[in-house]
Structures are given as structure tokens and as C-alpha cells.
């Protein structure tokens, strides 16, 4: 492998890690796609998927930690976002109510599932940060670390498997992204259906 390939792989990995960190604040960032692309670029490097997976998990956890800290301190940027987006504020309130009524195991599962739902991570961080009943969210941070590890292992493994199943990088990327989107969509539908059942 030549030096240009290594440098190119390093750049895409750095971009993927920044995207994972940032999508806690901006959930429209295609962090999953960038991670898969980074996996495909480094699939032939020994140990690269494991190192990348650990980096993704750490970046994901740090994103949660940063947004949670800003929400708990009442950062003006976070407050403005909630004030100008009533739908987001309503979602945060619903998640707060759901967390207050859950057992420890159910709440932990909710944190993990939120990682796979579009914008779920953002809403959950804001809900915990604004919840008066979670004055010391250390337990949430443990669940967040677990969720970050599970999601990182899932998305990196998905890209790695497809890099070995298909000969062309573009087909591996297309199949991986399609599969990830289908999983997220299916989980989001299940969450919405369960929420309607609880409300009714």
C-alpha cells in the first residue's frame, strides 16, 4: 500500500470520526455513511477495523457527553434550538416522560435503541440534560458508552462484511448504506408503533 493511499485513508477516517462526534448536535450529518466509507478505505489494513471501531465508539460517547453538558448548563445555543423548534421540544418532553416511567433495564435499552433511530441520540441527550429527575446522569453515561460500543461495532462490521462480499467499493458502499438505512427505518417504525400503543 503506497503512502498516498495511507494518507487518503487517514483523512476519511478523521472526517468520519468528526462526523460521529458532530451528529449529536447535527443529526443530518451522514456519519454512518462516512464510517462505512472509512471502513472500505481501510479494510485491507490489518487491525484497522478494530481501531476504527474503537475510535467511532469514543467519538460517539464524547458527542453525547458534550451535548449533555451543554444542555445541563442551559447553553444559549441549546435553548434557542428548543425554542425555535417546537416539534423537537415536544419530542424531548415525550422522552423525558418515557424515561421517568422506565425500570433501569428498560431505560438502558431505550438509550441503546435511540442510537439507531434518526435524531434519537440528539433527542435523548437533550431529554436527559433538561430532566430535573436526572440530577446526576452518571448511569446514563454508562448506558451511552454501551450504546456507542454497540453502534460502532454494528456499523463497522456492516462495512467490513460488505467489503469482503463485493468486489467493487461502490457496490459495497451502496449495499452497506442501504442496509443501515433499512435497519434504522425499521427500528424507528417499531418505536413509533410502540409509542402509539402506549398513548392509546
Protein backbone atom coordinates (compact mmCIF):
# COMPACT_ATOMS: atom_id res chain seq x y z
CA UNK A 1 0.00 0.00 0.00
CA UNK A 2 1.54 3.33 -1.06
CA UNK A 3 1.81 6.48 1.04
CA UNK A 4 -0.92 8.29 -0.93
CA UNK A 5 -3.41 5.55 -0.09
CA UNK A 6 -2.50 5.70 3.60
CA UNK A 7 -2.88 9.49 3.67
CA UNK A 8 -6.21 9.27 1.86
CA UNK A 9 -7.45 6.64 4.30
CA UNK A 10 -6.34 8.76 7.26
CA UNK A 11 -8.29 11.76 6.01
CA UNK A 12 -11.51 9.85 5.51
CA UNK A 13 -11.14 8.24 8.94
CA UNK A 14 -10.63 11.64 10.57
CA UNK A 15 -13.66 13.01 8.72
CA UNK A 16 -15.77 10.03 9.82
CA UNK A 17 -14.79 10.48 13.47
CA UNK A 18 -15.59 14.20 13.34
CA UNK A 19 -18.97 13.39 11.79
CA UNK A 20 -19.79 10.87 14.53
CA UNK A 21 -18.86 13.42 17.17
CA UNK A 22 -20.86 16.17 15.49
CA UNK A 23 -24.06 14.31 14.66
CA UNK A 24 -25.09 14.51 18.30
CA UNK A 25 -25.67 18.21 17.54
CA UNK A 26 -26.49 17.95 13.83
CA UNK A 27 -28.26 14.62 13.24
CA UNK A 28 -28.49 15.22 9.49
CA UNK A 29 -24.73 14.61 9.17
CA UNK A 30 -24.28 11.27 7.33
CA UNK A 31 -21.94 9.86 9.96
CA UNK A 32 -22.88 6.24 9.29
CA UNK A 33 -22.13 6.60 5.59
CA UNK A 34 -18.76 8.20 6.31
CA UNK A 35 -17.84 5.46 8.79
CA UNK A 36 -18.71 2.80 6.22
CA UNK A 37 -16.63 4.64 3.62
CA UNK A 38 -13.71 4.77 6.08
CA UNK A 39 -14.08 1.02 6.69
CA UNK A 40 -13.98 0.33 2.95
CA UNK A 41 -10.88 2.51 2.55
CA UNK A 42 -9.03 0.71 5.35
CA UNK A 43 -10.44 -2.82 5.09
CA UNK A 44 -7.16 -4.23 3.78
CA UNK A 45 -5.07 -2.79 6.61
CA UNK A 46 -4.50 -5.30 9.42
CA UNK A 47 -6.32 -4.27 12.58
CA UNK A 48 -7.80 -1.13 11.01
CA UNK A 49 -11.48 -2.08 11.53
CA UNK A 50 -10.90 -2.68 15.25
CA UNK A 51 -9.03 0.60 15.72
CA UNK A 52 -11.64 2.47 13.68
CA UNK A 53 -14.45 0.86 15.67
CA UNK A 54 -12.90 1.97 18.96
CA UNK A 55 -12.41 5.47 17.58
CA UNK A 56 -16.03 5.62 16.44
CA UNK A 57 -17.26 4.47 19.86
CA UNK A 58 -15.15 7.07 21.66
CA UNK A 59 -16.25 9.86 19.30
CA UNK A 60 -19.90 8.85 19.73
CA UNK A 61 -19.62 8.86 23.52
CA UNK A 62 -17.80 12.21 23.58
CA UNK A 63 -20.54 13.73 21.42
CA UNK A 64 -23.15 12.60 23.92
CA UNK A 65 -21.09 13.90 26.84
CA UNK A 66 -20.62 17.31 25.24
CA UNK A 67 -24.27 17.81 24.26
CA UNK A 68 -25.44 16.57 27.66
CA UNK A 69 -23.12 19.03 29.41
CA UNK A 70 -24.34 21.93 27.26
CA UNK A 71 -27.97 21.00 27.88
CA UNK A 72 -27.47 20.75 31.65
CA UNK A 73 -25.78 24.16 31.77
CA UNK A 74 -28.59 25.69 29.74
CA UNK A 75 -26.33 26.79 26.90
CA UNK A 76 -27.98 29.58 24.89
CA UNK A 77 -27.50 27.69 21.61
CA UNK A 78 -29.35 24.67 23.00
CA UNK A 79 -32.13 26.82 24.46
CA UNK A 80 -32.63 28.67 21.18
CA UNK A 81 -32.81 25.39 19.32
CA UNK A 82 -35.60 24.12 21.57
CA UNK A 83 -37.47 27.44 21.49
CA UNK A 84 -37.42 27.66 17.71
CA UNK A 85 -38.25 24.01 17.08
CA UNK A 86 -41.49 23.10 18.91
CA UNK A 87 -41.51 19.61 17.41
CA UNK A 88 -38.06 18.90 18.85
CA UNK A 89 -39.11 20.29 22.23
CA UNK A 90 -42.19 18.06 22.21
CA UNK A 91 -40.07 15.00 21.38
CA UNK A 92 -37.69 15.85 24.23
CA UNK A 93 -40.64 16.12 26.63
CA UNK A 94 -42.01 12.73 25.50
CA UNK A 95 -38.64 11.05 26.01
CA UNK A 96 -38.36 12.59 29.49
CA UNK A 97 -41.75 11.15 30.43
CA UNK A 98 -40.82 7.76 29.00
CA UNK A 99 -37.53 7.65 30.92
CA UNK A 100 -39.20 8.61 34.19
CA UNK A 101 -41.55 5.65 33.90
CA UNK A 102 -38.98 3.02 32.93
CA UNK A 103 -37.10 0.48 35.00
CA UNK A 104 -33.31 0.57 34.90
CA UNK A 105 -33.08 -2.18 32.28
CA UNK A 106 -35.78 -0.65 30.09
CA UNK A 107 -34.15 2.78 30.27
CA UNK A 108 -30.80 1.28 29.28
CA UNK A 109 -32.44 -0.44 26.31
CA UNK A 110 -34.04 2.86 25.33
CA UNK A 111 -30.63 4.56 25.27
CA UNK A 112 -29.21 1.81 23.05
CA UNK A 113 -32.19 1.84 20.67
CA UNK A 114 -32.01 5.64 20.36
CA UNK A 115 -28.58 5.26 18.77
CA UNK A 116 -30.18 3.52 15.78
CA UNK A 117 -33.08 5.97 15.29
CA UNK A 118 -32.54 9.10 13.19
CA UNK A 119 -32.10 12.06 15.58
CA UNK A 120 -32.77 9.72 18.51
CA UNK A 121 -29.38 10.36 20.02
CA UNK A 122 -29.88 14.15 19.94
CA UNK A 123 -33.34 13.99 21.48
CA UNK A 124 -32.20 11.62 24.22
CA UNK A 125 -29.20 13.77 25.19
CA UNK A 126 -31.38 16.86 25.40
CA UNK A 127 -34.04 14.99 27.40
CA UNK A 128 -31.51 13.80 29.98
CA UNK A 129 -29.83 17.19 30.12
CA UNK A 130 -33.10 19.02 30.79
CA UNK A 131 -34.64 16.44 33.11
CA UNK A 132 -34.87 17.60 36.75
CA UNK A 133 -35.14 13.96 37.87
CA UNK A 134 -31.70 13.10 36.45
CA UNK A 135 -29.55 15.41 38.56
CA UNK A 136 -26.60 13.03 38.35
CA UNK A 137 -26.68 11.33 34.94
CA UNK A 138 -23.73 9.02 35.63
CA UNK A 139 -25.90 5.98 34.97
CA UNK A 140 -26.95 7.45 31.64
CA UNK A 141 -23.32 7.94 30.67
CA UNK A 142 -22.63 4.26 31.30
CA UNK A 143 -25.55 3.34 29.06
CA UNK A 144 -24.34 5.85 26.49
CA UNK A 145 -20.90 4.23 26.46
CA UNK A 146 -22.53 0.84 25.94
CA UNK A 147 -24.73 2.19 23.15
CA UNK A 148 -21.71 3.80 21.48
CA UNK A 149 -19.82 0.48 21.52
CA UNK A 150 -22.79 -1.44 20.12
CA UNK A 151 -23.43 1.06 17.32
CA UNK A 152 -19.75 1.31 16.42
CA UNK A 153 -19.41 -2.48 16.28
CA UNK A 154 -22.56 -2.71 14.15
CA UNK A 155 -21.69 -0.04 11.58
CA UNK A 156 -18.02 -1.06 11.23
CA UNK A 157 -18.89 -4.75 10.93
CA UNK A 158 -21.52 -3.94 8.30
CA UNK A 159 -18.98 -2.10 6.17
CA UNK A 160 -16.27 -4.72 6.72
CA UNK A 161 -18.51 -7.63 5.73
CA UNK A 162 -19.68 -5.93 2.57
CA UNK A 163 -16.11 -5.02 1.65
CA UNK A 164 -15.37 -8.76 1.54
CA UNK A 165 -18.62 -9.84 -0.11
CA UNK A 166 -18.40 -7.49 -3.10
CA UNK A 167 -15.50 -6.83 -5.44
CA UNK A 168 -16.24 -3.16 -6.10
CA UNK A 169 -16.09 -0.40 -3.50
CA UNK A 170 -19.10 1.49 -4.82
CA UNK A 171 -21.31 -1.60 -4.60
CA UNK A 172 -20.08 -2.34 -1.07
CA UNK A 173 -20.86 1.25 -0.06
CA UNK A 174 -24.30 1.18 -1.68
CA UNK A 175 -25.30 -2.13 -0.07
CA UNK A 176 -23.93 -1.13 3.33
CA UNK A 177 -25.71 2.24 3.35
CA UNK A 178 -28.95 0.69 2.12
CA UNK A 179 -28.81 -1.96 4.83
CA UNK A 180 -28.06 0.62 7.53
CA UNK A 181 -30.94 2.81 6.34
CA UNK A 182 -33.35 -0.13 6.32
CA UNK A 183 -32.36 -1.11 9.87
CA UNK A 184 -32.77 2.46 11.14
CA UNK A 185 -36.13 2.84 9.38
CA UNK A 186 -37.42 -0.46 10.78
CA UNK A 187 -36.37 0.45 14.33
CA UNK A 188 -37.91 3.92 14.00
CA UNK A 189 -41.22 2.39 12.88
CA UNK A 190 -41.22 -0.03 15.81
CA UNK A 191 -40.55 2.84 18.22
CA UNK A 192 -43.38 4.94 16.75
CA UNK A 193 -45.78 2.00 16.84
CA UNK A 194 -44.96 1.23 20.47
CA UNK A 195 -45.36 4.89 21.37
CA UNK A 196 -48.83 4.96 19.80
CA UNK A 197 -49.80 1.82 21.72
CA UNK A 198 -48.69 3.42 24.99
CA UNK A 199 -50.59 6.64 24.25
CA UNK A 200 -53.75 4.76 23.28
